[in-house]
Every structure is written in structure tokens, then in C-alpha cells.
Amino acid sequence: MEVTIILQEKEGVPVDMPEEWAGIIPLKVFIDEATKMVSQAEEFGVQFRLVGGLAIRLHCQQHNLEDLYMRMKRLGENVSEITDIDGAIAMKHRGKMDKFMEKFGYFKRATTLSTAASQRKIYIHPKNWWFVDCFYGAMKFNHDIELDLNRLKLDSPTLPLAELFLGKTQIVYMNYKDVADTIMLLLGHEIGYDDSPETINIKHIAEKYFRKGGYAWGFYHTVNTNLTNIRNVLPEFKELSEEQQNTIRTKIDEMVEYFENVPKNRSWRARAKIGTSKRWYRPVETTATVGEFGIFSGKHLLEKPKD
């Protein structure tokens, strides 16, 4: 969903932006607002956690990747690096979140059938700079990522790294920014088997999402195929040094091997025999899904946004 859609739908609310920004909102403004929102929501009794590109950006700040992040140009030249604030809450906090965001100064976009079905709420900045896309109970994309309150409490101001990783790699139609975000996430963090700080817990991912049932096979297939495609196109990312590429390859190989070797149940194996002849994911209609590109060939993974 593009910011312009939100701005057009809320009539009578002008975009009141400082002239010196020249239409490009500084990253620091997003970070300051998002972290303040998380902190004040906590005081209000809501565990609001950041997801998506901004969350990954925050998690990578402490790993000396700033220069690489800038050179990757995830959204292209002469645009804001981030366009909105994505977040998540537990199902039990959805009513509280409405009250908190109103107190915080945002107004809620009217709920539609689409937002209700996908368990999300949209809140618009009082000066129309951006919107906050808040998921509750689960992130329902091509595959579902559950938002358990105990998991939300593991990290702050973002979701745990396992969920941040899945938020990108569950996308059947990945685009350049999704691949760039995944690369940065892998480059800046360790692969492990628990929820240690700065560690992507692949044991939790495999046990929770990849082991049991036909749906689990589909989730596994999407993530595994995306990881393989990203590994194959790494040499085309000229911003990455050979050492950085090797680091990412090693982590991808470890993840793929672990996911393959986790014991699967009978229904998983039965669904695997059917394969991709039957759709294995929930369609999500976005601009990125229009066209022929899928996870099969990995083409367009390197297609950077045009100015």
C-alpha cells in the first residue's frame, strides 16, 4: 500500500511538511517517532513492537552497517528511505491501541473488509507524513506469523529477530527492498537455536512454522526457495564485499540444512508430494504481486526502484 493512497482517502487533511525536507522525510524523524511510540505505548499497557524495514534498520544500527545500508538504496534515489511505520500488537491489546494512538495524536482510518480480514489497523499521522500499519494477533501475509504476547516481550522496540526474518522471507513475490532487508538482517545477526540477543532463532522458526501439516510445507517451501534465490544472486550485489557474501552464504546454508533436517509429520510429507501444482500460499494483492515474477526463478530480485 502506497502512502499516496492513504493521503487521497483522508480528505481535508493537508500534508504539512517542513520545506527544508524537500519532500523527503529524514530517517531520524521516523526512528524518533517510532521509538517514542513504542515507549509510550508500553506505559499505556500496550506491547507495541516495530516490524518490517524500519525495525530491521534499527536492529542493524549497532553493527557498523550504516554505510552499506545507504549504498544499498533499498527504495531508490531521492526518496525517503522508509515510507511508513509498521508495527504489531497482541490480539488482546487492539482496543487499547485505538485509545493510545488517539492520545498520541493519530487518527484511525476506517476499518475495511480487507483490513479486518488481515487483522490490521491503519493510523494516520496528524500532519499526514506517513501512516502506521498495525497488525494484531497475527501478521497475515502470504503465510501467517503469530503475534504471541510472550514473543512480543522478548525484544523491544522491535519484534524478535525470528519474526522479523520471517516477515521478509515469507513473501512469495519478493522485490529488491525485501531482498536488501533480508541481506542486512543476515549480515548483522547471528544464527542460533534460542532467543539470545542479536540472534535469529531458527529452532523456533522450524518448530513453530515448518514441521506439522500441509500449511507448514507451504511456509517452508516459500522461505527455503527465497533463501536459495538470495544465495544465488549475491554476486550481483556489488555493494557487498566477498567476505560479506561468504558470511551470508554460510548462514543461509546453515538455515536451509537445519530446516530440511527438522523431522516433519505425515501430513507435511503428503503435502510435499503435491508440491507447487496446488497453491501453497495465501494471495496478497499488492503492487509487488502484479506481473509474472514469482519465487521460482529469482529474476527481478536485483531490480532497484526507479527514481
C-alpha atoms as a PDB file:
ATOM      1  CA  MET A   1       0.000   0.000   0.000  1.00  0.00           C
ATOM      2  CA  GLU A   2       1.432   3.346  -1.041  1.00  0.00           C
ATOM      3  CA  VAL A   3       1.351   6.436   1.133  1.00  0.00           C
ATOM      4  CA  THR A   4      -0.497   8.323  -1.615  1.00  0.00           C
ATOM      5  CA  ILE A   5      -3.470   6.008  -1.229  1.00  0.00           C
ATOM      6  CA  ILE A   6      -3.809   6.945   2.418  1.00  0.00           C
ATOM      7  CA  LEU A   7      -3.440  10.652   1.674  1.00  0.00           C
ATOM      8  CA  GLN A   8      -6.104  10.554  -1.018  1.00  0.00           C
ATOM      9  CA  GLU A   9      -8.553   8.680   1.146  1.00  0.00           C
ATOM     10  CA  LYS A  10      -8.438  11.156   4.026  1.00  0.00           C
ATOM     11  CA  GLU A  11      -9.802  14.356   2.530  1.00  0.00           C
ATOM     12  CA  GLY A  12      -9.266  17.705   4.166  1.00  0.00           C
ATOM     13  CA  VAL A  13      -6.003  16.765   5.918  1.00  0.00           C
ATOM     14  CA  PRO A  14      -3.122  18.587   4.203  1.00  0.00           C
ATOM     15  CA  VAL A  15       0.444  17.309   4.160  1.00  0.00           C
ATOM     16  CA  ASP A  16       2.175  19.812   6.433  1.00  0.00           C
ATOM     17  CA  MET A  17       5.894  19.138   5.904  1.00  0.00           C
ATOM     18  CA  PRO A  18       8.906  21.414   6.582  1.00  0.00           C
ATOM     19  CA  GLU A  19      10.205  22.972   3.355  1.00  0.00           C
ATOM     20  CA  GLU A  20      13.808  22.031   4.153  1.00  0.00           C
ATOM     21  CA  TRP A  21      12.927  18.353   3.844  1.00  0.00           C
ATOM     22  CA  ALA A  22      12.123  18.859   0.145  1.00  0.00           C
ATOM     23  CA  GLY A  23       9.510  16.128   0.337  1.00  0.00           C
ATOM     24  CA  ILE A  24      11.920  13.540   1.788  1.00  0.00           C
ATOM     25  CA  ILE A  25      11.280  12.673   5.425  1.00  0.00           C
ATOM     26  CA  PRO A  26      14.615  12.134   7.247  1.00  0.00           C
ATOM     27  CA  LEU A  27      15.208   8.657   8.631  1.00  0.00           C
ATOM     28  CA  LYS A  28      15.864  10.117  12.093  1.00  0.00           C
ATOM     29  CA  VAL A  29      12.321  11.520  12.174  1.00  0.00           C
ATOM     30  CA  PHE A  30      10.893   8.048  11.576  1.00  0.00           C
ATOM     31  CA  ILE A  31      13.177   6.488  14.188  1.00  0.00           C
ATOM     32  CA  ASP A  32      12.452   9.108  16.833  1.00  0.00           C
ATOM     33  CA  GLU A  33       8.695   8.857  16.316  1.00  0.00           C
ATOM     34  CA  ALA A  34       8.619   5.064  16.206  1.00  0.00           C
ATOM     35  CA  THR A  35      10.748   4.525  19.311  1.00  0.00           C
ATOM     36  CA  LYS A  36       8.769   7.147  21.229  1.00  0.00           C
ATOM     37  CA  MET A  37       5.570   5.407  20.174  1.00  0.00           C
ATOM     38  CA  VAL A  38       6.821   2.043  21.461  1.00  0.00           C
ATOM     39  CA  SER A  39       7.946   3.555  24.766  1.00  0.00           C
ATOM     40  CA  GLN A  40       4.743   5.460  25.441  1.00  0.00           C
ATOM     41  CA  ALA A  41       2.560   2.539  24.353  1.00  0.00           C
ATOM     42  CA  GLU A  42       4.362   0.410  26.943  1.00  0.00           C
ATOM     43  CA  GLU A  43       3.462   2.930  29.627  1.00  0.00           C
ATOM     44  CA  PHE A  44      -0.137   2.778  28.361  1.00  0.00           C
ATOM     45  CA  GLY A  45      -0.129  -1.006  28.818  1.00  0.00           C
ATOM     46  CA  VAL A  46       0.342  -1.990  25.166  1.00  0.00           C
ATOM     47  CA  GLN A  47       3.295  -4.054  23.916  1.00  0.00           C
ATOM     48  CA  PHE A  48       3.610  -2.375  20.524  1.00  0.00           C
ATOM     49  CA  ARG A  49       6.594  -3.631  18.514  1.00  0.00           C
ATOM     50  CA  LEU A  50       8.044  -2.453  15.219  1.00  0.00           C
ATOM     51  CA  VAL A  51       8.226  -4.744  12.189  1.00  0.00           C
ATOM     52  CA  GLY A  52       9.430  -4.500   8.591  1.00  0.00           C
ATOM     53  CA  GLY A  53      12.127  -2.326   7.079  1.00  0.00           C
ATOM     54  CA  LEU A  54      12.310   0.243   9.873  1.00  0.00           C
ATOM     55  CA  ALA A  55      12.612  -2.486  12.513  1.00  0.00           C
ATOM     56  CA  ILE A  56      15.428  -4.169  10.581  1.00  0.00           C
ATOM     57  CA  ARG A  57      17.138  -0.810  10.126  1.00  0.00           C
ATOM     58  CA  LEU A  58      17.024  -0.212  13.876  1.00  0.00           C
ATOM     59  CA  HIS A  59      18.356  -3.679  14.631  1.00  0.00           C
ATOM     60  CA  CYS A  60      21.286  -3.217  12.257  1.00  0.00           C
ATOM     61  CA  GLN A  61      22.350   0.220  13.539  1.00  0.00           C
ATOM     62  CA  GLN A  62      24.697  -1.213  16.140  1.00  0.00           C
ATOM     63  CA  HIS A  63      26.573  -3.430  13.672  1.00  0.00           C
ATOM     64  CA  ASN A  64      28.515  -0.804  11.695  1.00  0.00           C
ATOM     65  CA  LEU A  65      26.367  -1.317   8.609  1.00  0.00           C
ATOM     66  CA  GLU A  66      25.256   2.292   8.159  1.00  0.00           C
ATOM     67  CA  ASP A  67      27.387   2.953   5.088  1.00  0.00           C
ATOM     68  CA  LEU A  68      26.351  -0.311   3.421  1.00  0.00           C
ATOM     69  CA  TYR A  69      22.691   0.357   4.155  1.00  0.00           C
ATOM     70  CA  MET A  70      22.926   3.747   2.467  1.00  0.00           C
ATOM     71  CA  ARG A  71      24.690   2.307  -0.584  1.00  0.00           C
ATOM     72  CA  MET A  72      22.069  -0.431  -0.977  1.00  0.00           C
ATOM     73  CA  LYS A  73      19.390   2.254  -1.645  1.00  0.00           C
ATOM     74  CA  ARG A  74      16.501  -0.067  -0.783  1.00  0.00           C
ATOM     75  CA  LEU A  75      13.869   2.333  -2.162  1.00  0.00           C
ATOM     76  CA  GLY A  76      15.932   4.051  -4.836  1.00  0.00           C
ATOM     77  CA  GLU A  77      17.405   7.554  -5.161  1.00  0.00           C
ATOM     78  CA  ASN A  78      15.926  10.822  -3.884  1.00  0.00           C
ATOM     79  CA  VAL A  79      13.180   9.276  -1.763  1.00  0.00           C
ATOM     80  CA  SER A  80      12.675   8.680   1.934  1.00  0.00           C
ATOM     81  CA  GLU A  81      14.468   5.503   2.971  1.00  0.00           C
ATOM     82  CA  ILE A  82      11.367   4.495   4.957  1.00  0.00           C
ATOM     83  CA  THR A  83       7.804   5.395   3.929  1.00  0.00           C
ATOM     84  CA  ASP A  84       5.721   4.293   6.906  1.00  0.00           C
ATOM     85  CA  ILE A  85       5.830   2.718  10.362  1.00  0.00           C
ATOM     86  CA  ASP A  86       4.787  -0.929  10.601  1.00  0.00           C
ATOM     87  CA  GLY A  87       4.012  -2.437  13.982  1.00  0.00           C
ATOM     88  CA  ALA A  88       2.394  -5.335  15.770  1.00  0.00           C
ATOM     89  CA  ILE A  89       0.425  -5.991  18.941  1.00  0.00           C
ATOM     90  CA  ALA A  90      -1.235  -8.946  20.628  1.00  0.00           C
ATOM     91  CA  MET A  91      -4.924  -9.536  19.927  1.00  0.00           C
ATOM     92  CA  LYS A  92      -5.884  -8.562  23.487  1.00  0.00           C
ATOM     93  CA  HIS A  93      -4.461  -5.054  23.029  1.00  0.00           C
ATOM     94  CA  ARG A  94      -6.310  -3.980  19.876  1.00  0.00           C
ATOM     95  CA  GLY A  95      -8.890  -1.888  21.771  1.00  0.00           C
ATOM     96  CA  LYS A  96      -6.231  -0.262  23.909  1.00  0.00           C
ATOM     97  CA  MET A  97      -4.179   0.529  20.826  1.00  0.00           C
ATOM     98  CA  ASP A  98      -7.004   2.624  19.363  1.00  0.00           C
ATOM     99  CA  LYS A  99      -7.179   4.690  22.542  1.00  0.00           C
ATOM    100  CA  PHE A 100      -3.422   5.055  22.752  1.00  0.00           C
ATOM    101  CA  MET A 101      -2.997   6.186  19.147  1.00  0.00           C
ATOM    102  CA  GLU A 102      -5.770   8.740  19.563  1.00  0.00           C
ATOM    103  CA  LYS A 103      -3.966  10.079  22.639  1.00  0.00           C
ATOM    104  CA  PHE A 104      -0.722  10.031  20.659  1.00  0.00           C
ATOM    105  CA  GLY A 105      -2.323  12.336  18.072  1.00  0.00           C
ATOM    106  CA  TYR A 106      -3.046   9.952  15.202  1.00  0.00           C
ATOM    107  CA  PHE A 107      -6.440   9.335  13.646  1.00  0.00           C
ATOM    108  CA  LYS A 108      -7.632   5.878  12.613  1.00  0.00           C
ATOM    109  CA  ARG A 109      -8.565   5.077   9.074  1.00  0.00           C
ATOM    110  CA  ALA A 110     -11.992   3.463   8.791  1.00  0.00           C
ATOM    111  CA  THR A 111     -11.804  -0.311   9.007  1.00  0.00           C
ATOM    112  CA  THR A 112     -12.489  -2.087   5.710  1.00  0.00           C
ATOM    113  CA  LEU A 113     -13.250  -5.717   4.920  1.00  0.00           C
ATOM    114  CA  SER A 114      -9.665  -6.066   3.755  1.00  0.00           C
ATOM    115  CA  THR A 115      -8.084  -4.675   6.917  1.00  0.00           C
ATOM    116  CA  ALA A 116     -10.463  -6.639   9.135  1.00  0.00           C
ATOM    117  CA  ALA A 117      -9.685  -9.903   7.330  1.00  0.00           C
ATOM    118  CA  SER A 118      -5.944  -9.286   7.538  1.00  0.00           C
ATOM    119  CA  GLN A 119      -6.152  -8.252  11.206  1.00  0.00           C
ATOM    120  CA  ARG A 120      -4.645  -4.823  10.830  1.00  0.00           C
ATOM    121  CA  LYS A 121      -5.465  -1.220  11.636  1.00  0.00           C
ATOM    122  CA  ILE A 122      -4.218   1.903   9.891  1.00  0.00           C
ATOM    123  CA  TYR A 123      -3.432   5.079  11.833  1.00  0.00           C
ATOM    124  CA  ILE A 124      -2.539   8.299  10.031  1.00  0.00           C
ATOM    125  CA  HIS A 125      -0.024  10.892  11.197  1.00  0.00           C
ATOM    126  CA  PRO A 126      -1.711  14.157  12.256  1.00  0.00           C
ATOM    127  CA  LYS A 127       0.224  16.052   9.565  1.00  0.00           C
ATOM    128  CA  ASN A 128      -0.168  13.266   7.008  1.00  0.00           C
ATOM    129  CA  TRP A 129       3.556  12.482   6.874  1.00  0.00           C
ATOM    130  CA  TRP A 130       3.018   8.708   6.983  1.00  0.00           C
ATOM    131  CA  PHE A 131       0.719   6.015   8.318  1.00  0.00           C
ATOM    132  CA  VAL A 132       1.157   3.356  10.980  1.00  0.00           C
ATOM    133  CA  ASP A 133       0.155  -0.111   9.789  1.00  0.00           C
ATOM    134  CA  CYS A 134      -0.550  -2.096  12.960  1.00  0.00           C
ATOM    135  CA  PHE A 135      -1.117  -5.863  12.880  1.00  0.00           C
ATOM    136  CA  TYR A 136      -2.895  -7.539  15.772  1.00  0.00           C
ATOM    137  CA  GLY A 137      -2.924 -11.216  16.691  1.00  0.00           C
ATOM    138  CA  ALA A 138      -1.025 -12.272  13.590  1.00  0.00           C
ATOM    139  CA  MET A 139       0.665 -10.893  10.507  1.00  0.00           C
ATOM    140  CA  LYS A 140      -1.447 -12.397   7.736  1.00  0.00           C
ATOM    141  CA  PHE A 141       0.574 -12.161   4.562  1.00  0.00           C
ATOM    142  CA  ASN A 142       1.321 -14.997   2.129  1.00  0.00           C
ATOM    143  CA  HIS A 143       1.801 -17.006   5.349  1.00  0.00           C
ATOM    144  CA  ASP A 144       0.718 -16.302   8.925  1.00  0.00           C
ATOM    145  CA  ILE A 145       3.143 -15.167  11.620  1.00  0.00           C
ATOM    146  CA  GLU A 146       1.592 -15.331  15.064  1.00  0.00           C
ATOM    147  CA  LEU A 147       1.914 -12.407  17.477  1.00  0.00           C
ATOM    148  CA  ASP A 148       2.061 -14.151  20.818  1.00  0.00           C
ATOM    149  CA  LEU A 149       2.333 -11.768  23.785  1.00  0.00           C
ATOM    150  CA  ASN A 150       5.212 -13.774  25.250  1.00  0.00           C
ATOM    151  CA  ARG A 151       7.136 -13.436  21.980  1.00  0.00           C
ATOM    152  CA  LEU A 152       6.432  -9.685  21.841  1.00  0.00           C
ATOM    153  CA  LYS A 153       8.013  -9.254  25.257  1.00  0.00           C
ATOM    154  CA  LEU A 154      11.297 -10.836  24.127  1.00  0.00           C
ATOM    155  CA  ASP A 155      12.586  -7.744  22.324  1.00  0.00           C
ATOM    156  CA  SER A 156      11.990  -4.017  22.104  1.00  0.00           C
ATOM    157  CA  PRO A 157      11.375  -1.761  20.212  1.00  0.00           C
ATOM    158  CA  THR A 158      11.041  -4.444  17.506  1.00  0.00           C
ATOM    159  CA  LEU A 159       9.651  -7.924  17.169  1.00  0.00           C
ATOM    160  CA  PRO A 160      12.160 -10.708  17.880  1.00  0.00           C
ATOM    161  CA  LEU A 161      14.605 -11.353  15.062  1.00  0.00           C
ATOM    162  CA  ALA A 162      12.976 -14.684  14.131  1.00  0.00           C
ATOM    163  CA  GLU A 163       9.712 -12.895  13.340  1.00  0.00           C
ATOM    164  CA  LEU A 164      11.499 -10.046  11.528  1.00  0.00           C
ATOM    165  CA  PHE A 165      13.259 -12.629   9.366  1.00  0.00           C
ATOM    166  CA  LEU A 166      10.011 -14.451   8.571  1.00  0.00           C
ATOM    167  CA  GLY A 167       8.261 -11.166   7.824  1.00  0.00           C
ATOM    168  CA  LYS A 168      10.540 -10.786   4.805  1.00  0.00           C
ATOM    169  CA  THR A 169      11.213 -14.362   3.701  1.00  0.00           C
ATOM    170  CA  GLN A 170       7.548 -15.447   3.786  1.00  0.00           C
ATOM    171  CA  ILE A 171       6.870 -13.114   0.838  1.00  0.00           C
ATOM    172  CA  VAL A 172       6.213 -15.190  -2.270  1.00  0.00           C
ATOM    173  CA  TYR A 173       6.841 -12.223  -4.586  1.00  0.00           C
ATOM    174  CA  MET A 174       9.926 -10.657  -3.052  1.00  0.00           C
ATOM    175  CA  ASN A 175      11.191  -7.396  -4.500  1.00  0.00           C
ATOM    176  CA  TYR A 176      14.521  -5.629  -4.238  1.00  0.00           C
ATOM    177  CA  LYS A 177      13.883  -3.930  -0.900  1.00  0.00           C
ATOM    178  CA  ASP A 178      12.772  -7.233   0.663  1.00  0.00           C
ATOM    179  CA  VAL A 179      15.954  -8.922  -0.522  1.00  0.00           C
ATOM    180  CA  ALA A 180      18.107  -5.993   0.656  1.00  0.00           C
ATOM    181  CA  ASP A 181      16.435  -6.066   4.080  1.00  0.00           C
ATOM    182  CA  THR A 182      16.976  -9.825   4.364  1.00  0.00           C
ATOM    183  CA  ILE A 183      20.634  -9.476   3.414  1.00  0.00           C
ATOM    184  CA  MET A 184      21.160  -6.793   6.053  1.00  0.00           C
ATOM    185  CA  LEU A 185      19.357  -8.868   8.658  1.00  0.00           C
ATOM    186  CA  LEU A 186      21.560 -11.895   7.954  1.00  0.00           C
ATOM    187  CA  LEU A 187      24.736  -9.855   7.764  1.00  0.00           C
ATOM    188  CA  GLY A 188      24.153  -8.100  11.074  1.00  0.00           C
ATOM    189  CA  HIS A 189      22.999 -11.009  13.217  1.00  0.00           C
ATOM    190  CA  GLU A 190      23.956 -14.497  14.309  1.00  0.00           C
ATOM    191  CA  ILE A 191      22.075 -17.699  13.530  1.00  0.00           C
ATOM    192  CA  GLY A 192      21.222 -19.699  16.634  1.00  0.00           C
ATOM    193  CA  TYR A 193      18.859 -22.053  18.396  1.00  0.00           C
ATOM    194  CA  ASP A 194      17.451 -19.850  21.154  1.00  0.00           C
ATOM    195  CA  ASP A 195      16.389 -16.260  21.688  1.00  0.00           C
ATOM    196  CA  SER A 196      19.780 -14.914  22.713  1.00  0.00           C
ATOM    197  CA  PRO A 197      20.254 -11.207  21.955  1.00  0.00           C
ATOM    198  CA  GLU A 198      21.051 -10.380  18.324  1.00  0.00           C
ATOM    199  CA  THR A 199      20.320 -13.963  17.266  1.00  0.00           C
ATOM    200  CA  ILE A 200      17.831 -15.296  14.706  1.00  0.00           C
ATOM    201  CA  ASN A 201      16.283 -18.299  16.441  1.00  0.00           C
ATOM    202  CA  ILE A 202      15.954 -20.848  13.637  1.00  0.00           C
ATOM    203  CA  LYS A 203      14.867 -23.564  16.061  1.00  0.00           C
ATOM    204  CA  HIS A 204      11.774 -21.531  16.963  1.00  0.00           C
ATOM    205  CA  ILE A 205      11.065 -20.919  13.273  1.00  0.00           C
ATOM    206  CA  ALA A 206      11.344 -24.596  12.358  1.00  0.00           C
ATOM    207  CA  GLU A 207       9.430 -25.925  15.371  1.00  0.00           C
ATOM    208  CA  LYS A 208       6.654 -23.346  15.193  1.00  0.00           C
ATOM    209  CA  TYR A 209       6.087 -22.988  11.459  1.00  0.00           C
ATOM    210  CA  PHE A 210       7.795 -25.692   9.365  1.00  0.00           C
ATOM    211  CA  ARG A 211       7.149 -29.097  10.973  1.00  0.00           C
ATOM    212  CA  LYS A 212       3.489 -30.042  11.088  1.00  0.00           C
ATOM    213  CA  GLY A 213       0.779 -30.013   8.454  1.00  0.00           C
ATOM    214  CA  GLY A 214       0.331 -29.139   4.816  1.00  0.00           C
ATOM    215  CA  TYR A 215       0.325 -25.428   5.574  1.00  0.00           C
ATOM    216  CA  ALA A 216       3.743 -25.836   7.205  1.00  0.00           C
ATOM    217  CA  TRP A 217       5.105 -27.323   3.988  1.00  0.00           C
ATOM    218  CA  GLY A 218       3.986 -24.241   2.063  1.00  0.00           C
ATOM    219  CA  PHE A 219       5.613 -21.866   4.541  1.00  0.00           C
ATOM    220  CA  TYR A 220       8.802 -23.935   4.476  1.00  0.00           C
ATOM    221  CA  HIS A 221       8.826 -24.023   0.688  1.00  0.00           C
ATOM    222  CA  THR A 222       8.492 -20.248   0.343  1.00  0.00           C
ATOM    223  CA  VAL A 223      11.238 -19.455   2.850  1.00  0.00           C
ATOM    224  CA  ASN A 224      13.591 -22.158   1.595  1.00  0.00           C
ATOM    225  CA  THR A 225      13.171 -21.096  -2.040  1.00  0.00           C
ATOM    226  CA  ASN A 226      13.678 -17.429  -1.228  1.00  0.00           C
ATOM    227  CA  LEU A 227      16.858 -18.190   0.706  1.00  0.00           C
ATOM    228  CA  THR A 228      18.191 -20.237  -2.208  1.00  0.00           C
ATOM    229  CA  ASN A 229      17.388 -17.440  -4.654  1.00  0.00           C
ATOM    230  CA  ILE A 230      19.056 -14.821  -2.471  1.00  0.00           C
ATOM    231  CA  ARG A 231      22.149 -17.018  -2.193  1.00  0.00           C
ATOM    232  CA  ASN A 232      22.294 -17.337  -5.978  1.00  0.00           C
ATOM    233  CA  VAL A 233      22.110 -13.594  -6.660  1.00  0.00           C
ATOM    234  CA  LEU A 234      24.595 -12.459  -4.001  1.00  0.00           C
ATOM    235  CA  PRO A 235      27.432 -11.933  -6.546  1.00  0.00           C
ATOM    236  CA  GLU A 236      25.282  -9.314  -8.270  1.00  0.00           C
ATOM    237  CA  PHE A 237      25.214  -7.145  -5.147  1.00  0.00           C
ATOM    238  CA  LYS A 238      28.353  -5.152  -5.867  1.00  0.00           C
ATOM    239  CA  GLU A 239      27.923  -3.245  -2.597  1.00  0.00           C
ATOM    240  CA  LEU A 240      28.844  -6.433  -0.715  1.00  0.00           C
ATOM    241  CA  SER A 241      32.456  -7.455  -0.200  1.00  0.00           C
ATOM    242  CA  GLU A 242      33.489 -11.041  -0.879  1.00  0.00           C
ATOM    243  CA  GLU A 243      33.789 -11.602   2.861  1.00  0.00           C
ATOM    244  CA  GLN A 244      30.266 -10.303   3.431  1.00  0.00           C
ATOM    245  CA  GLN A 245      28.885 -12.524   0.675  1.00  0.00           C
ATOM    246  CA  ASN A 246      30.595 -15.555   2.202  1.00  0.00           C
ATOM    247  CA  THR A 247      29.172 -14.702   5.623  1.00  0.00           C
ATOM    248  CA  ILE A 248      25.650 -14.578   4.225  1.00  0.00           C
ATOM    249  CA  ARG A 249      26.122 -17.801   2.223  1.00  0.00           C
ATOM    250  CA  THR A 250      27.294 -19.638   5.325  1.00  0.00           C
ATOM    251  CA  LYS A 251      24.272 -18.503   7.310  1.00  0.00           C
ATOM    252  CA  ILE A 252      21.844 -19.363   4.515  1.00  0.00           C
ATOM    253  CA  ASP A 253      23.410 -22.821   4.138  1.00  0.00           C
ATOM    254  CA  GLU A 254      23.087 -23.413   7.884  1.00  0.00           C
ATOM    255  CA  MET A 255      19.459 -22.362   7.878  1.00  0.00           C
ATOM    256  CA  VAL A 256      18.482 -24.394   4.809  1.00  0.00           C
ATOM    257  CA  GLU A 257      20.181 -27.521   6.165  1.00  0.00           C
ATOM    258  CA  TYR A 258      18.540 -27.145   9.566  1.00  0.00           C
ATOM    259  CA  PHE A 259      15.078 -26.542   8.109  1.00  0.00           C
ATOM    260  CA  GLU A 260      15.443 -29.576   5.830  1.00  0.00           C
ATOM    261  CA  ASN A 261      16.517 -31.893   8.639  1.00  0.00           C
ATOM    262  CA  VAL A 262      13.859 -30.991  11.217  1.00  0.00           C
ATOM    263  CA  PRO A 263      11.512 -34.018  11.469  1.00  0.00           C
ATOM    264  CA  LYS A 264       8.246 -33.492   9.595  1.00  0.00           C
ATOM    265  CA  ASN A 265       4.909 -35.193  10.252  1.00  0.00           C
ATOM    266  CA  ARG A 266       2.859 -37.327   7.863  1.00  0.00           C
ATOM    267  CA  SER A 267       0.573 -34.553   6.599  1.00  0.00           C
ATOM    268  CA  TRP A 268       3.615 -32.389   5.856  1.00  0.00           C
ATOM    269  CA  ARG A 269       5.166 -35.163   3.776  1.00  0.00           C
ATOM    270  CA  ALA A 270       1.872 -35.797   1.987  1.00  0.00           C
ATOM    271  CA  ARG A 271       1.573 -32.124   1.043  1.00  0.00           C
ATOM    272  CA  ALA A 272       5.182 -32.061  -0.113  1.00  0.00           C
ATOM    273  CA  LYS A 273       4.356 -34.753  -2.694  1.00  0.00           C
ATOM    274  CA  ILE A 274       1.724 -32.476  -4.236  1.00  0.00           C
ATOM    275  CA  GLY A 275       4.242 -29.627  -4.422  1.00  0.00           C
ATOM    276  CA  THR A 276       3.539 -26.417  -6.283  1.00  0.00           C
ATOM    277  CA  SER A 277       0.887 -27.935  -8.542  1.00  0.00           C
ATOM    278  CA  LYS A 278      -1.509 -26.731  -5.844  1.00  0.00           C
ATOM    279  CA  ARG A 279      -1.223 -23.191  -4.459  1.00  0.00           C
ATOM    280  CA  TRP A 280       0.729 -23.251  -1.213  1.00  0.00           C
ATOM    281  CA  TYR A 281       0.257 -19.640  -0.030  1.00  0.00           C
ATOM    282  CA  ARG A 282      -2.409 -17.004   0.536  1.00  0.00           C
ATOM    283  CA  PRO A 283      -2.501 -14.449  -2.282  1.00  0.00           C
ATOM    284  CA  VAL A 284      -1.834 -10.916  -1.106  1.00  0.00           C
ATOM    285  CA  GLU A 285      -2.721  -8.219  -3.590  1.00  0.00           C
ATOM    286  CA  THR A 286      -0.039  -5.546  -3.681  1.00  0.00           C
ATOM    287  CA  THR A 287       1.779  -3.709  -6.445  1.00  0.00           C
ATOM    288  CA  ALA A 288       4.616  -6.184  -5.993  1.00  0.00           C
ATOM    289  CA  THR A 289       2.423  -9.141  -6.949  1.00  0.00           C
ATOM    290  CA  VAL A 290       1.312  -7.732 -10.265  1.00  0.00           C
ATOM    291  CA  GLY A 291       3.117  -9.426 -13.134  1.00  0.00           C
ATOM    292  CA  GLU A 292       4.774 -12.731 -13.782  1.00  0.00           C
ATOM    293  CA  PHE A 293       7.590 -12.716 -11.231  1.00  0.00           C
ATOM    294  CA  GLY A 294       7.436 -15.334  -8.506  1.00  0.00           C
ATOM    295  CA  ILE A 295       9.883 -17.168  -6.282  1.00  0.00           C
ATOM    296  CA  PHE A 296      10.576 -19.784  -8.945  1.00  0.00           C
ATOM    297  CA  SER A 297      13.397 -18.150 -10.901  1.00  0.00           C
ATOM    298  CA  GLY A 298      14.609 -15.332  -8.665  1.00  0.00           C
ATOM    299  CA  LYS A 299      14.582 -12.796 -11.503  1.00  0.00           C
ATOM    300  CA  HIS A 300      13.881  -9.165 -10.624  1.00  0.00           C
ATOM    301  CA  LEU A 301      15.490  -9.637  -7.200  1.00  0.00           C
ATOM    302  CA  LEU A 302      18.084  -7.116  -8.351  1.00  0.00           C
ATOM    303  CA  GLU A 303      15.689  -4.646  -9.937  1.00  0.00           C
ATOM    304  CA  LYS A 304      16.150  -1.462  -7.923  1.00  0.00           C
ATOM    305  CA  PRO A 305      13.337   1.087  -7.741  1.00  0.00           C
ATOM    306  CA  LYS A 306      13.471   3.839 -10.340  1.00  0.00           C
ATOM    307  CA  ASP A 307      13.767   7.450  -9.257  1.00  0.00           C
END
